[in-house]
Amino acid sequence: MSSKSEIPDQPLPERIIIGKITSAVGLRGDVKIHPLTDFPERFSSLDQVILEKDGEIVEACISQAHYRGKKIILKFDGCNDRDSAERMRGYLITIPRAEVGLLPEDSYYAFELAGVRVYTTDEELIGMVSDTYSVGSEDLLEVERMNDNGRFLIPFVKQFVKQVDIPGQKLVVELIDGLE
């Protein structure tokens, strides 16, 4: 059995990515956003965000947000022409972790699961969550194995995931033949 100390605790990120600026829109400095959140409506209630790109971190005030179908269009203070908007392309839009909002019981943000240790129901440490994927109506956890640095996917459903302890950085799973 592996020891808990083989996988260091993963600190939670200070900021959470909620979108990415993909392009300029029009001539007045508006930008199109690709949402990276399950709650794209949050953009209409945000006043300030943190933009990040290539190690640069900039606070930005949102003066206007509107929706064109599934597209999100933002206007930032001081971004008044297309050239300024074009320079914003590629910036990630983040918010402080404390502002992400509460989820219903038994629901988790992907950033909370990243780095969590994965144990079998026999208390054997088998790896850690390295990524999450949404596939249709189901989420999948990618687990990086301890023994050979390989990876496998496990459905994030109660049939397989028996316990989630975010503060304790522990996930208990029931493995079946062929799952690992």
C-alpha atoms as a PDB file:
ATOM      1  CA  MET A   1       0.000   0.000   0.000  1.00  0.00           C
ATOM      2  CA  SER A   2       1.329   3.452  -0.936  1.00  0.00           C
ATOM      3  CA  SER A   3       1.630   6.157   1.665  1.00  0.00           C
ATOM      4  CA  LYS A   4      -0.252   9.436   1.631  1.00  0.00           C
ATOM      5  CA  SER A   5       3.000  11.373   1.618  1.00  0.00           C
ATOM      6  CA  GLU A   6       3.845  10.232  -1.924  1.00  0.00           C
ATOM      7  CA  ILE A   7       1.422  12.768  -3.381  1.00  0.00           C
ATOM      8  CA  PRO A   8       1.855  16.307  -2.046  1.00  0.00           C
ATOM      9  CA  ASP A   9      -1.234  18.354  -1.224  1.00  0.00           C
ATOM     10  CA  GLN A  10      -2.348  20.457  -4.168  1.00  0.00           C
ATOM     11  CA  PRO A  11      -3.149  24.032  -3.150  1.00  0.00           C
ATOM     12  CA  LEU A  12      -6.396  25.423  -4.510  1.00  0.00           C
ATOM     13  CA  PRO A  13      -5.877  28.144  -7.098  1.00  0.00           C
ATOM     14  CA  GLU A  14      -6.288  31.764  -6.009  1.00  0.00           C
ATOM     15  CA  ARG A  15      -8.221  32.633  -9.158  1.00  0.00           C
ATOM     16  CA  ILE A  16     -10.652  30.607 -11.229  1.00  0.00           C
ATOM     17  CA  ILE A  17     -10.806  30.856 -15.015  1.00  0.00           C
ATOM     18  CA  ILE A  18     -14.322  31.625 -16.238  1.00  0.00           C
ATOM     19  CA  GLY A  19     -13.681  32.619 -19.843  1.00  0.00           C
ATOM     20  CA  LYS A  20     -11.268  33.537 -22.593  1.00  0.00           C
ATOM     21  CA  ILE A  21     -11.298  36.564 -24.879  1.00  0.00           C
ATOM     22  CA  THR A  22     -11.413  35.219 -28.427  1.00  0.00           C
ATOM     23  CA  SER A  23     -11.833  38.231 -30.682  1.00  0.00           C
ATOM     24  CA  ALA A  24     -12.790  41.849 -31.139  1.00  0.00           C
ATOM     25  CA  VAL A  25     -16.376  42.626 -32.072  1.00  0.00           C
ATOM     26  CA  GLY A  26     -17.247  45.777 -33.984  1.00  0.00           C
ATOM     27  CA  LEU A  27     -15.388  49.070 -33.821  1.00  0.00           C
ATOM     28  CA  ARG A  28     -16.143  50.270 -30.270  1.00  0.00           C
ATOM     29  CA  GLY A  29     -13.867  47.975 -28.268  1.00  0.00           C
ATOM     30  CA  ASP A  30     -16.221  45.093 -27.510  1.00  0.00           C
ATOM     31  CA  VAL A  31     -14.765  41.591 -27.177  1.00  0.00           C
ATOM     32  CA  LYS A  32     -16.251  38.134 -27.675  1.00  0.00           C
ATOM     33  CA  ILE A  33     -15.868  35.667 -24.824  1.00  0.00           C
ATOM     34  CA  HIS A  34     -15.631  31.887 -24.904  1.00  0.00           C
ATOM     35  CA  PRO A  35     -17.170  30.937 -21.530  1.00  0.00           C
ATOM     36  CA  LEU A  36     -15.286  28.374 -19.445  1.00  0.00           C
ATOM     37  CA  THR A  37     -17.919  28.196 -16.738  1.00  0.00           C
ATOM     38  CA  ASP A  38     -21.144  26.318 -16.148  1.00  0.00           C
ATOM     39  CA  PHE A  39     -22.699  29.679 -15.265  1.00  0.00           C
ATOM     40  CA  PRO A  40     -22.213  32.009 -18.253  1.00  0.00           C
ATOM     41  CA  GLU A  41     -24.940  34.285 -16.903  1.00  0.00           C
ATOM     42  CA  ARG A  42     -22.438  35.379 -14.233  1.00  0.00           C
ATOM     43  CA  PHE A  43     -20.834  37.804 -16.711  1.00  0.00           C
ATOM     44  CA  SER A  44     -23.845  40.133 -16.536  1.00  0.00           C
ATOM     45  CA  SER A  45     -23.413  40.572 -12.779  1.00  0.00           C
ATOM     46  CA  LEU A  46     -19.630  41.037 -12.688  1.00  0.00           C
ATOM     47  CA  ASP A  47     -18.168  44.504 -12.257  1.00  0.00           C
ATOM     48  CA  GLN A  48     -14.501  43.570 -12.102  1.00  0.00           C
ATOM     49  CA  VAL A  49     -12.395  40.632 -13.302  1.00  0.00           C
ATOM     50  CA  ILE A  50      -8.734  39.745 -13.473  1.00  0.00           C
ATOM     51  CA  LEU A  51      -7.229  39.191 -16.923  1.00  0.00           C
ATOM     52  CA  GLU A  52      -4.210  36.895 -17.331  1.00  0.00           C
ATOM     53  CA  LYS A  53      -1.952  36.184 -20.285  1.00  0.00           C
ATOM     54  CA  ASP A  54       1.692  35.139 -20.501  1.00  0.00           C
ATOM     55  CA  GLY A  55       2.311  35.886 -16.812  1.00  0.00           C
ATOM     56  CA  GLU A  56       0.721  39.340 -17.028  1.00  0.00           C
ATOM     57  CA  ILE A  57      -2.117  39.989 -14.569  1.00  0.00           C
ATOM     58  CA  VAL A  58      -4.413  42.975 -15.090  1.00  0.00           C
ATOM     59  CA  GLU A  59      -7.542  44.054 -13.220  1.00  0.00           C
ATOM     60  CA  ALA A  60     -10.314  45.143 -15.568  1.00  0.00           C
ATOM     61  CA  CYS A  61     -13.713  46.724 -15.013  1.00  0.00           C
ATOM     62  CA  ILE A  62     -16.646  45.485 -17.087  1.00  0.00           C
ATOM     63  CA  SER A  63     -18.825  48.357 -18.239  1.00  0.00           C
ATOM     64  CA  GLN A  64     -21.280  46.271 -20.254  1.00  0.00           C
ATOM     65  CA  ALA A  65     -22.154  42.628 -20.864  1.00  0.00           C
ATOM     66  CA  HIS A  66     -24.697  41.317 -23.324  1.00  0.00           C
ATOM     67  CA  TYR A  67     -25.535  38.078 -25.037  1.00  0.00           C
ATOM     68  CA  ARG A  68     -26.035  37.310 -28.725  1.00  0.00           C
ATOM     69  CA  GLY A  69     -27.405  33.808 -28.710  1.00  0.00           C
ATOM     70  CA  LYS A  70     -24.699  31.734 -27.013  1.00  0.00           C
ATOM     71  CA  LYS A  71     -22.068  34.412 -27.553  1.00  0.00           C
ATOM     72  CA  ILE A  72     -21.044  36.676 -24.695  1.00  0.00           C
ATOM     73  CA  ILE A  73     -19.952  40.180 -25.603  1.00  0.00           C
ATOM     74  CA  LEU A  74     -18.140  42.308 -23.012  1.00  0.00           C
ATOM     75  CA  LYS A  75     -17.098  45.930 -22.965  1.00  0.00           C
ATOM     76  CA  PHE A  76     -14.210  46.840 -20.655  1.00  0.00           C
ATOM     77  CA  ASP A  77     -13.566  50.338 -19.307  1.00  0.00           C
ATOM     78  CA  GLY A  78     -10.801  51.983 -21.342  1.00  0.00           C
ATOM     79  CA  CYS A  79     -11.179  49.646 -24.312  1.00  0.00           C
ATOM     80  CA  ASN A  80     -12.796  52.023 -26.798  1.00  0.00           C
ATOM     81  CA  ASP A  81     -11.721  50.876 -30.241  1.00  0.00           C
ATOM     82  CA  ARG A  82     -11.143  47.743 -32.263  1.00  0.00           C
ATOM     83  CA  ASP A  83      -7.329  47.929 -31.972  1.00  0.00           C
ATOM     84  CA  SER A  84      -7.564  47.934 -28.155  1.00  0.00           C
ATOM     85  CA  ALA A  85      -9.994  45.029 -28.281  1.00  0.00           C
ATOM     86  CA  GLU A  86      -7.700  43.050 -30.617  1.00  0.00           C
ATOM     87  CA  ARG A  87      -4.844  43.415 -28.114  1.00  0.00           C
ATOM     88  CA  MET A  88      -7.044  41.685 -25.508  1.00  0.00           C
ATOM     89  CA  ARG A  89      -7.360  38.517 -27.600  1.00  0.00           C
ATOM     90  CA  GLY A  90      -6.135  35.442 -25.725  1.00  0.00           C
ATOM     91  CA  TYR A  91      -6.497  36.850 -22.220  1.00  0.00           C
ATOM     92  CA  LEU A  92      -8.076  34.498 -19.704  1.00  0.00           C
ATOM     93  CA  ILE A  93     -10.832  36.010 -17.599  1.00  0.00           C
ATOM     94  CA  THR A  94     -10.544  35.010 -13.953  1.00  0.00           C
ATOM     95  CA  ILE A  95     -12.260  35.765 -10.688  1.00  0.00           C
ATOM     96  CA  PRO A  96     -11.083  35.228  -7.103  1.00  0.00           C
ATOM     97  CA  ARG A  97     -11.868  31.715  -5.852  1.00  0.00           C
ATOM     98  CA  ALA A  98     -14.060  33.204  -3.106  1.00  0.00           C
ATOM     99  CA  GLU A  99     -16.442  34.562  -5.774  1.00  0.00           C
ATOM    100  CA  VAL A 100     -17.255  31.305  -7.580  1.00  0.00           C
ATOM    101  CA  GLY A 101     -20.503  30.756  -5.691  1.00  0.00           C
ATOM    102  CA  LEU A 102     -21.964  27.766  -3.933  1.00  0.00           C
ATOM    103  CA  LEU A 103     -22.953  24.572  -5.700  1.00  0.00           C
ATOM    104  CA  PRO A 104     -25.722  22.164  -4.742  1.00  0.00           C
ATOM    105  CA  GLU A 105     -24.817  19.334  -2.369  1.00  0.00           C
ATOM    106  CA  ASP A 106     -22.713  16.572  -3.992  1.00  0.00           C
ATOM    107  CA  SER A 107     -21.600  18.939  -6.772  1.00  0.00           C
ATOM    108  CA  TYR A 108     -17.992  20.072  -7.166  1.00  0.00           C
ATOM    109  CA  TYR A 109     -15.967  22.460  -9.233  1.00  0.00           C
ATOM    110  CA  ALA A 110     -13.275  20.869 -11.400  1.00  0.00           C
ATOM    111  CA  PHE A 111     -10.587  22.930  -9.640  1.00  0.00           C
ATOM    112  CA  GLU A 112     -11.635  21.369  -6.310  1.00  0.00           C
ATOM    113  CA  LEU A 113     -11.098  17.843  -7.654  1.00  0.00           C
ATOM    114  CA  ALA A 114      -7.733  18.456  -9.331  1.00  0.00           C
ATOM    115  CA  GLY A 115      -4.950  16.888  -7.274  1.00  0.00           C
ATOM    116  CA  VAL A 116      -7.263  15.007  -4.914  1.00  0.00           C
ATOM    117  CA  ARG A 117      -5.850  11.618  -3.880  1.00  0.00           C
ATOM    118  CA  VAL A 118      -7.774   8.597  -5.161  1.00  0.00           C
ATOM    119  CA  TYR A 119      -8.143   5.519  -2.956  1.00  0.00           C
ATOM    120  CA  THR A 120      -9.864   2.189  -3.483  1.00  0.00           C
ATOM    121  CA  THR A 121     -12.566   1.055  -1.082  1.00  0.00           C
ATOM    122  CA  ASP A 122      -9.765  -1.056   0.485  1.00  0.00           C
ATOM    123  CA  GLU A 123      -7.940   2.211   1.369  1.00  0.00           C
ATOM    124  CA  GLU A 124      -5.172   1.637  -1.199  1.00  0.00           C
ATOM    125  CA  LEU A 125      -3.816   4.874  -2.664  1.00  0.00           C
ATOM    126  CA  ILE A 126      -3.920   4.418  -6.429  1.00  0.00           C
ATOM    127  CA  GLY A 127      -3.278   7.937  -7.718  1.00  0.00           C
ATOM    128  CA  MET A 128      -4.639  11.439  -7.970  1.00  0.00           C
ATOM    129  CA  VAL A 129      -7.188  13.281 -10.080  1.00  0.00           C
ATOM    130  CA  SER A 130      -5.256  14.932 -12.905  1.00  0.00           C
ATOM    131  CA  ASP A 131      -8.143  16.299 -14.975  1.00  0.00           C
ATOM    132  CA  THR A 132     -11.916  16.293 -15.442  1.00  0.00           C
ATOM    133  CA  TYR A 133     -13.974  15.993 -18.618  1.00  0.00           C
ATOM    134  CA  SER A 134     -17.636  16.622 -19.338  1.00  0.00           C
ATOM    135  CA  VAL A 135     -18.923  14.063 -21.807  1.00  0.00           C
ATOM    136  CA  GLY A 136     -22.597  14.409 -22.578  1.00  0.00           C
ATOM    137  CA  SER A 137     -24.563  14.136 -19.356  1.00  0.00           C
ATOM    138  CA  GLU A 138     -21.689  12.561 -17.441  1.00  0.00           C
ATOM    139  CA  ASP A 139     -18.399  13.797 -16.033  1.00  0.00           C
ATOM    140  CA  LEU A 140     -15.226  11.741 -16.144  1.00  0.00           C
ATOM    141  CA  LEU A 141     -12.240  11.936 -13.822  1.00  0.00           C
ATOM    142  CA  GLU A 142      -8.797  11.321 -15.220  1.00  0.00           C
ATOM    143  CA  VAL A 143      -6.687   9.570 -12.595  1.00  0.00           C
ATOM    144  CA  GLU A 144      -2.896   9.513 -12.778  1.00  0.00           C
ATOM    145  CA  ARG A 145      -1.771   6.175 -11.346  1.00  0.00           C
ATOM    146  CA  MET A 146       0.879   5.993  -8.634  1.00  0.00           C
ATOM    147  CA  ASN A 147       2.538   2.777  -9.762  1.00  0.00           C
ATOM    148  CA  ASP A 148       3.428   3.557 -13.379  1.00  0.00           C
ATOM    149  CA  ASN A 149       2.393   7.151 -14.104  1.00  0.00           C
ATOM    150  CA  GLY A 150      -0.269   5.823 -16.474  1.00  0.00           C
ATOM    151  CA  ARG A 151      -3.746   7.327 -16.543  1.00  0.00           C
ATOM    152  CA  PHE A 152      -7.274   6.004 -16.632  1.00  0.00           C
ATOM    153  CA  LEU A 153     -10.762   7.479 -16.682  1.00  0.00           C
ATOM    154  CA  ILE A 154     -13.485   6.822 -14.155  1.00  0.00           C
ATOM    155  CA  PRO A 155     -17.095   8.008 -14.448  1.00  0.00           C
ATOM    156  CA  PHE A 156     -17.886  10.536 -11.734  1.00  0.00           C
ATOM    157  CA  VAL A 157     -21.054   8.740 -10.637  1.00  0.00           C
ATOM    158  CA  LYS A 158     -22.068   7.178  -7.320  1.00  0.00           C
ATOM    159  CA  GLN A 159     -21.724   3.678  -8.750  1.00  0.00           C
ATOM    160  CA  PHE A 160     -17.928   4.180  -8.849  1.00  0.00           C
ATOM    161  CA  VAL A 161     -17.188   7.197  -6.639  1.00  0.00           C
ATOM    162  CA  LYS A 162     -18.156   6.227  -3.107  1.00  0.00           C
ATOM    163  CA  GLN A 163     -16.798   9.183  -1.110  1.00  0.00           C
ATOM    164  CA  VAL A 164     -15.617  12.705  -1.863  1.00  0.00           C
ATOM    165  CA  ASP A 165     -13.759  14.597   0.871  1.00  0.00           C
ATOM    166  CA  ILE A 166     -12.499  17.866  -0.594  1.00  0.00           C
ATOM    167  CA  PRO A 167     -11.047  19.282   2.662  1.00  0.00           C
ATOM    168  CA  GLY A 168      -9.283  15.953   3.281  1.00  0.00           C
ATOM    169  CA  GLN A 169      -8.135  15.745  -0.371  1.00  0.00           C
ATOM    170  CA  LYS A 170      -9.537  12.207  -0.641  1.00  0.00           C
ATOM    171  CA  LEU A 171     -11.728  10.396  -3.148  1.00  0.00           C
ATOM    172  CA  VAL A 172     -12.754   6.765  -2.598  1.00  0.00           C
ATOM    173  CA  VAL A 173     -13.628   4.716  -5.677  1.00  0.00           C
ATOM    174  CA  GLU A 174     -14.829   1.214  -6.316  1.00  0.00           C
ATOM    175  CA  LEU A 175     -12.891  -0.220  -9.209  1.00  0.00           C
ATOM    176  CA  ILE A 176     -14.215  -2.929 -11.490  1.00  0.00           C
ATOM    177  CA  ASP A 177     -12.265  -5.157 -13.853  1.00  0.00           C
ATOM    178  CA  GLY A 178     -11.150  -3.224 -16.898  1.00  0.00           C
ATOM    179  CA  LEU A 179     -11.754   0.207 -15.371  1.00  0.00           C
ATOM    180  CA  GLU A 180      -8.151   0.786 -14.401  1.00  0.00           C
END
